[in-house]
Amino acid sequence: MTPTSRPAPPPARLRLAIDTDPGLDDAVALLVALGLDAVDLVLVTSAAGNIGLDRATANARALLDAVGAAEVPLGRGVVPAGTSLMAAGIHGDDGLGGVLGAPPPVRLPDAAGLLRDTAKAGPMAMAAIAPLTNLAAWLDAGLRLPAPLAVMGGAIAVPGNAPQPGLPAGAALTAEFNFAADPSAAERVLAAGLDLLLVPLDVTRQVRADRAWTRALAGRSGRAPALAARLIEAYFRDAGARESRPLHDPLAVLALSHPGLFTWAERPLAVVTDPSAGQPGTCVAASDGRRPVRVALEVDRAAALALIAEAIAAAG
């Protein structure tokens, strides 16, 4: 894969929408977006993924409220057609490791309508850090998606992280969770010819919060650092002997706000949807002439971790 020119630099202040399924690292990504000087978080939309849609929606509401960002519009996404993989083993039965208790379900406007209305106020980008169910549904409904669009998903040259029903014990995983949770939606989005930045496991696994970094974050003043540290501590609960956890979703935000942190390459990609062709959700080379997506291959790890910490400290 040949490195290419970087994505165009963002405007001085980026209007950003986030499609999310909170989720511990999703929650950290929301806090990062709220604290970045370069970002104006103008919309959050909920999706099923790490947890079911009702709980993901309530979690997003609770997170925004917890750091004084209740004014950020929040819309409810679409119910997946199939059964989500979900990841309670990592994120807890409530999706947030018990950090915020169990926020009550909330009734919210439809995300598609909010997306349409928010786009009228001017150009905006989107970080999609959940299964791509909402985005595929919006495309099918004729909505124009924000551009650029950063997608946290896929695994290019590294193992996947999504167990597949029916796989033999010990079989190598090739699919990433967000893509495996809704392979058809992921393929629909990658085939749509969008201005798309892919932030796969290849790069997100390079930026890891260790226990010392998390303790330092907890020592900063404000509600957001304390909350983020508790979320990351919950993320460690299933880590066993591992001393760090990857911060997958915040990197999709940084790919839009600070693309110069990354090394990029272009590749036309497709997603396996037929189990007879491999593990559903696996990224493969596309052969149908579709527009290549820009793929993040490397990242300045130290700079990314410092920026994440500074943004969280500024979030409230």
Protein backbone atom coordinates (compact mmCIF):
# COMPACT_ATOMS: atom_id res chain seq x y z
CA MET A 1 0.00 0.00 0.00
CA THR A 2 1.64 3.25 -1.10
CA PRO A 3 1.40 6.25 1.24
CA THR A 4 -0.46 9.19 -0.27
CA SER A 5 -0.97 12.84 0.52
CA ARG A 6 -2.73 13.63 3.76
CA PRO A 7 -6.41 14.52 3.87
CA ALA A 8 -7.11 18.22 3.46
CA PRO A 9 -6.58 20.14 6.69
CA PRO A 10 -9.80 20.83 8.57
CA PRO A 11 -11.23 24.32 8.89
CA ALA A 12 -10.20 26.42 11.87
CA ARG A 13 -13.16 24.99 13.79
CA LEU A 14 -14.68 21.74 12.59
CA ARG A 15 -18.43 21.20 12.93
CA LEU A 16 -18.62 17.56 13.96
CA ALA A 17 -21.33 14.91 14.29
CA ILE A 18 -20.62 11.63 16.07
CA ASP A 19 -22.51 8.38 15.50
CA THR A 20 -21.87 6.25 18.57
CA ASP A 21 -22.85 3.20 20.64
CA PRO A 22 -21.47 4.05 24.11
CA GLY A 23 -19.38 1.91 24.98
CA LEU A 24 -16.39 2.86 27.13
CA ASP A 25 -14.03 4.09 24.40
CA ASP A 26 -17.02 5.75 22.67
CA ALA A 27 -17.58 7.70 25.88
CA VAL A 28 -13.95 8.82 25.91
CA ALA A 29 -14.28 9.88 22.25
CA LEU A 30 -17.28 12.07 23.13
CA LEU A 31 -15.29 13.77 25.88
CA VAL A 32 -12.38 14.35 23.50
CA ALA A 33 -14.69 15.93 20.91
CA LEU A 34 -16.20 18.21 23.56
CA GLY A 35 -12.77 19.46 24.66
CA LEU A 36 -10.88 19.94 21.40
CA ASP A 37 -10.36 23.58 20.45
CA ALA A 38 -10.61 22.59 16.79
CA VAL A 39 -14.04 20.94 17.14
CA ASP A 40 -17.59 22.12 17.63
CA LEU A 41 -19.67 19.04 18.49
CA VAL A 42 -23.00 19.85 16.83
CA LEU A 43 -24.77 16.46 16.84
CA VAL A 44 -24.64 13.03 18.46
CA THR A 45 -26.60 10.09 17.07
CA SER A 46 -27.04 6.77 18.85
CA ALA A 47 -26.54 3.31 17.38
CA ALA A 48 -26.78 -0.28 18.55
CA GLY A 49 -23.47 -2.08 18.87
CA ASN A 50 -21.53 -2.41 22.10
CA ILE A 51 -24.94 -2.36 23.77
CA GLY A 52 -28.53 -2.29 22.52
CA LEU A 53 -30.02 0.84 21.01
CA ASP A 54 -32.11 1.88 24.02
CA ARG A 55 -29.18 1.68 26.41
CA ALA A 56 -26.73 3.27 23.95
CA THR A 57 -29.14 6.19 23.57
CA ALA A 58 -29.56 6.60 27.33
CA ASN A 59 -25.79 6.34 27.82
CA ALA A 60 -25.12 9.11 25.31
CA ARG A 61 -27.66 11.34 27.07
CA ALA A 62 -26.15 10.61 30.49
CA LEU A 63 -22.60 11.28 29.29
CA LEU A 64 -23.47 14.65 27.77
CA ASP A 65 -25.38 15.64 30.89
CA ALA A 66 -22.53 14.54 33.18
CA VAL A 67 -20.12 17.09 31.73
CA GLY A 68 -22.54 19.96 31.22
CA ALA A 69 -23.10 19.40 27.49
CA ALA A 70 -26.84 18.80 27.57
CA GLU A 71 -27.31 21.38 24.81
CA VAL A 72 -25.67 19.13 22.20
CA PRO A 73 -28.50 17.67 20.06
CA LEU A 74 -28.90 13.91 20.41
CA GLY A 75 -30.93 11.72 18.07
CA ARG A 76 -31.92 8.07 18.23
CA GLY A 77 -30.72 5.86 15.40
CA VAL A 78 -32.39 2.93 13.69
CA VAL A 79 -32.98 -0.53 15.09
CA PRO A 80 -30.66 -3.08 13.41
CA ALA A 81 -32.32 -5.59 11.12
CA GLY A 82 -30.35 -8.47 12.63
CA THR A 83 -28.94 -9.33 16.03
CA SER A 84 -26.00 -7.22 17.11
CA LEU A 85 -22.89 -8.97 18.42
CA MET A 86 -22.77 -6.62 21.44
CA ALA A 87 -19.81 -6.51 23.81
CA ALA A 88 -21.06 -6.63 27.38
CA GLY A 89 -18.03 -8.71 28.33
CA ILE A 90 -15.84 -5.67 27.71
CA HIS A 91 -18.15 -2.73 28.34
CA GLY A 92 -20.39 -4.17 31.05
CA ASP A 93 -24.09 -4.95 30.99
CA ASP A 94 -24.90 -1.24 30.87
CA GLY A 95 -22.26 -0.40 28.25
CA LEU A 96 -20.32 1.92 30.57
CA GLY A 97 -18.88 -0.48 33.11
CA GLY A 98 -21.29 0.68 35.80
CA VAL A 99 -19.60 4.10 35.93
CA LEU A 100 -22.82 6.12 35.52
CA GLY A 101 -25.18 3.63 37.08
CA ALA A 102 -28.15 2.74 34.91
CA PRO A 103 -29.53 5.90 33.29
CA PRO A 104 -33.22 5.62 32.49
CA PRO A 105 -34.35 5.17 28.87
CA VAL A 106 -34.99 8.45 27.06
CA ARG A 107 -37.35 9.46 24.25
CA LEU A 108 -35.47 11.38 21.60
CA PRO A 109 -36.09 12.66 18.07
CA ASP A 110 -35.16 10.55 15.09
CA ALA A 111 -31.49 10.91 14.24
CA ALA A 112 -32.10 11.19 10.50
CA GLY A 113 -34.23 14.31 10.91
CA LEU A 114 -31.68 15.91 13.21
CA LEU A 115 -28.90 15.10 10.76
CA ARG A 116 -30.83 16.75 7.95
CA ASP A 117 -31.59 19.84 10.03
CA THR A 118 -28.07 20.20 11.42
CA ALA A 119 -26.57 20.00 7.93
CA LYS A 120 -28.57 23.08 6.91
CA ALA A 121 -26.45 25.24 9.21
CA GLY A 122 -23.27 24.56 7.24
CA PRO A 123 -20.71 21.92 6.32
CA MET A 124 -19.89 19.32 8.92
CA ALA A 125 -17.84 16.17 9.27
CA MET A 126 -18.80 12.94 11.00
CA ALA A 127 -16.97 10.40 13.13
CA ALA A 128 -18.75 7.03 12.89
CA ILE A 129 -17.56 4.97 15.86
CA ALA A 130 -20.29 2.32 15.92
CA PRO A 131 -21.58 -0.33 13.54
CA LEU A 132 -22.60 1.47 10.35
CA THR A 133 -26.29 0.57 10.56
CA ASN A 134 -27.43 4.19 10.77
CA LEU A 135 -25.22 5.39 7.93
CA ALA A 136 -26.36 2.65 5.55
CA ALA A 137 -30.00 3.38 6.39
CA TRP A 138 -29.48 7.10 5.79
CA LEU A 139 -27.83 6.42 2.44
CA ASP A 140 -30.71 4.16 1.44
CA ALA A 141 -33.14 6.93 2.42
CA GLY A 142 -31.36 9.40 0.15
CA LEU A 143 -29.68 11.45 2.88
CA ARG A 144 -26.39 13.08 2.12
CA LEU A 145 -23.82 12.05 4.72
CA PRO A 146 -21.38 14.55 6.22
CA ALA A 147 -17.97 14.80 4.58
CA PRO A 148 -15.33 13.99 5.40
CA LEU A 149 -16.50 10.88 7.19
CA ALA A 150 -14.09 9.11 9.56
CA VAL A 151 -15.03 5.49 10.28
CA MET A 152 -13.50 3.54 13.15
CA GLY A 153 -13.70 0.05 11.73
CA GLY A 154 -12.00 -2.77 9.92
CA ALA A 155 -8.73 -4.61 10.24
CA ILE A 156 -6.38 -4.50 7.24
CA ALA A 157 -3.12 -6.26 8.09
CA VAL A 158 -3.74 -7.19 11.74
CA PRO A 159 -6.00 -9.76 13.41
CA GLY A 160 -9.63 -8.91 14.03
CA ASN A 161 -11.38 -8.69 17.38
CA ALA A 162 -14.88 -10.01 16.67
CA PRO A 163 -15.68 -13.61 17.62
CA GLN A 164 -17.90 -15.23 15.01
CA PRO A 165 -20.65 -17.77 15.70
CA GLY A 166 -19.65 -21.22 14.58
CA LEU A 167 -15.90 -20.59 14.38
CA PRO A 168 -13.75 -23.45 15.68
CA ALA A 169 -12.06 -22.81 19.01
CA GLY A 170 -8.75 -21.05 18.47
CA ALA A 171 -9.53 -19.97 14.91
CA ALA A 172 -7.91 -16.72 13.86
CA LEU A 173 -10.22 -13.71 13.86
CA THR A 174 -10.17 -11.49 10.77
CA ALA A 175 -13.10 -9.11 11.33
CA GLU A 176 -13.25 -5.98 13.49
CA PHE A 177 -16.24 -5.59 15.81
CA ASN A 178 -18.02 -2.60 14.22
CA PHE A 179 -17.89 -4.15 10.76
CA ALA A 180 -18.77 -7.63 12.00
CA ALA A 181 -21.81 -6.31 13.89
CA ASP A 182 -23.40 -5.16 10.60
CA PRO A 183 -21.33 -6.34 7.61
CA SER A 184 -23.94 -5.36 5.02
CA ALA A 185 -24.03 -1.80 6.34
CA ALA A 186 -20.23 -1.57 6.34
CA GLU A 187 -20.09 -2.79 2.74
CA ARG A 188 -22.83 -0.33 1.73
CA VAL A 189 -20.87 2.59 3.17
CA LEU A 190 -17.50 1.57 1.72
CA ALA A 191 -19.06 1.08 -1.72
CA ALA A 192 -20.84 4.45 -1.72
CA GLY A 193 -17.95 6.53 -3.09
CA LEU A 194 -17.81 8.79 -0.02
CA ASP A 195 -14.99 11.05 1.17
CA LEU A 196 -14.08 8.43 3.75
CA LEU A 197 -11.20 8.12 6.20
CA LEU A 198 -10.88 4.60 7.61
CA VAL A 199 -9.34 4.27 11.07
CA PRO A 200 -8.83 0.50 11.48
CA LEU A 201 -7.47 -1.67 14.25
CA ASP A 202 -4.07 -1.42 12.56
CA VAL A 203 -3.73 2.13 13.91
CA THR A 204 -6.06 2.20 16.91
CA ARG A 205 -4.09 -0.54 18.62
CA GLN A 206 -1.04 1.73 18.46
CA VAL A 207 -2.57 4.26 20.90
CA ARG A 208 -3.06 2.64 24.28
CA ALA A 209 -3.93 3.98 27.70
CA ASP A 210 -1.82 2.32 30.36
CA ARG A 211 -2.45 2.50 34.08
CA ALA A 212 0.08 5.29 34.66
CA TRP A 213 -1.49 7.45 31.93
CA THR A 214 -4.93 6.81 33.41
CA ARG A 215 -3.77 7.76 36.92
CA ALA A 216 -2.26 10.97 35.57
CA LEU A 217 -5.54 11.76 33.82
CA ALA A 218 -7.47 11.17 37.05
CA GLY A 219 -5.20 13.68 38.79
CA ARG A 220 -6.26 16.54 36.53
CA SER A 221 -8.95 18.92 37.71
CA GLY A 222 -12.51 18.90 36.40
CA ARG A 223 -15.42 16.52 35.94
CA ALA A 224 -14.37 15.14 32.56
CA PRO A 225 -10.88 13.83 33.52
CA ALA A 226 -12.28 12.08 36.59
CA LEU A 227 -15.08 10.55 34.51
CA ALA A 228 -12.75 9.49 31.70
CA ALA A 229 -10.33 7.89 34.16
CA ARG A 230 -13.17 5.90 35.73
CA LEU A 231 -14.32 4.77 32.28
CA ILE A 232 -10.83 3.62 31.32
CA GLU A 233 -10.40 1.89 34.69
CA ALA A 234 -13.60 -0.01 33.92
CA TYR A 235 -12.10 -0.88 30.53
CA PHE A 236 -9.25 -2.59 32.40
CA ARG A 237 -11.56 -4.90 34.33
CA ASP A 238 -11.47 -7.63 31.69
CA ALA A 239 -7.86 -6.95 30.71
CA GLY A 240 -6.33 -9.74 32.78
CA ALA A 241 -2.57 -9.22 32.92
CA ARG A 242 -2.58 -6.64 30.12
CA GLU A 243 -1.21 -3.29 31.19
CA SER A 244 -2.85 -1.12 28.54
CA ARG A 245 -6.07 -0.80 26.58
CA PRO A 246 -6.47 0.62 23.05
CA LEU A 247 -8.31 3.92 22.66
CA HIS A 248 -10.03 2.97 19.40
CA ASP A 249 -12.78 5.53 19.03
CA PRO A 250 -11.02 8.77 20.02
CA LEU A 251 -8.72 8.24 17.03
CA ALA A 252 -11.63 8.66 14.61
CA VAL A 253 -12.18 12.13 16.07
CA LEU A 254 -8.47 12.97 15.81
CA ALA A 255 -8.38 11.72 12.21
CA LEU A 256 -10.73 14.60 11.38
CA SER A 257 -9.39 17.30 13.67
CA HIS A 258 -5.67 16.48 13.40
CA PRO A 259 -5.10 14.38 10.26
CA GLY A 260 -1.40 15.28 10.25
CA LEU A 261 -0.88 12.93 13.21
CA PHE A 262 -1.46 9.99 10.87
CA THR A 263 0.22 8.35 7.90
CA TRP A 264 -2.37 7.65 5.20
CA ALA A 265 -2.64 5.36 2.21
CA GLU A 266 -5.39 4.79 -0.35
CA ARG A 267 -6.95 1.42 -0.97
CA PRO A 268 -10.24 0.27 -2.55
CA LEU A 269 -11.83 -1.93 0.10
CA ALA A 270 -14.85 -4.20 0.36
CA VAL A 271 -16.40 -6.00 3.32
CA VAL A 272 -17.23 -9.71 3.38
CA THR A 273 -20.98 -10.22 3.84
CA ASP A 274 -21.36 -13.87 2.75
CA PRO A 275 -20.10 -16.39 5.36
CA SER A 276 -19.06 -18.71 2.55
CA ALA A 277 -16.47 -16.08 1.49
CA GLY A 278 -14.91 -15.65 4.93
CA GLN A 279 -15.74 -14.17 8.29
CA PRO A 280 -18.45 -11.53 7.79
CA GLY A 281 -17.09 -8.05 8.45
CA THR A 282 -13.62 -8.85 7.14
CA CYS A 283 -11.98 -6.16 4.97
CA VAL A 284 -10.75 -7.37 1.58
CA ALA A 285 -9.46 -5.70 -1.56
CA ALA A 286 -12.30 -4.49 -3.78
CA SER A 287 -12.21 -5.44 -7.45
CA ASP A 288 -15.19 -3.46 -8.75
CA GLY A 289 -13.51 -0.14 -9.49
CA ARG A 290 -14.98 1.65 -6.49
CA ARG A 291 -13.44 4.81 -5.11
CA PRO A 292 -10.52 4.10 -2.75
CA VAL A 293 -10.81 5.10 0.88
CA ARG A 294 -7.98 6.73 2.79
CA VAL A 295 -6.68 4.34 5.43
CA ALA A 296 -4.73 5.38 8.53
CA LEU A 297 -1.64 3.18 8.84
CA GLU A 298 0.50 4.85 11.48
CA VAL A 299 -0.01 7.52 14.13
CA ASP A 300 2.20 9.66 16.34
CA ARG A 301 1.30 7.76 19.50
CA ALA A 302 2.78 10.17 22.03
CA ALA A 303 1.20 13.20 20.40
CA ALA A 304 -2.17 11.47 20.16
CA LEU A 305 -2.16 10.48 23.84
CA ALA A 306 -1.15 13.99 24.89
CA LEU A 307 -3.87 15.54 22.74
CA ILE A 308 -6.51 13.15 24.10
CA ALA A 309 -5.57 14.02 27.68
CA GLU A 310 -5.56 17.78 27.01
CA ALA A 311 -8.93 17.59 25.26
CA ILE A 312 -10.52 15.63 28.10
CA ALA A 313 -9.17 18.13 30.62
CA ALA A 314 -10.82 20.94 28.64
CA ALA A 315 -14.14 19.15 28.28
CA GLY A 316 -15.51 20.16 31.67
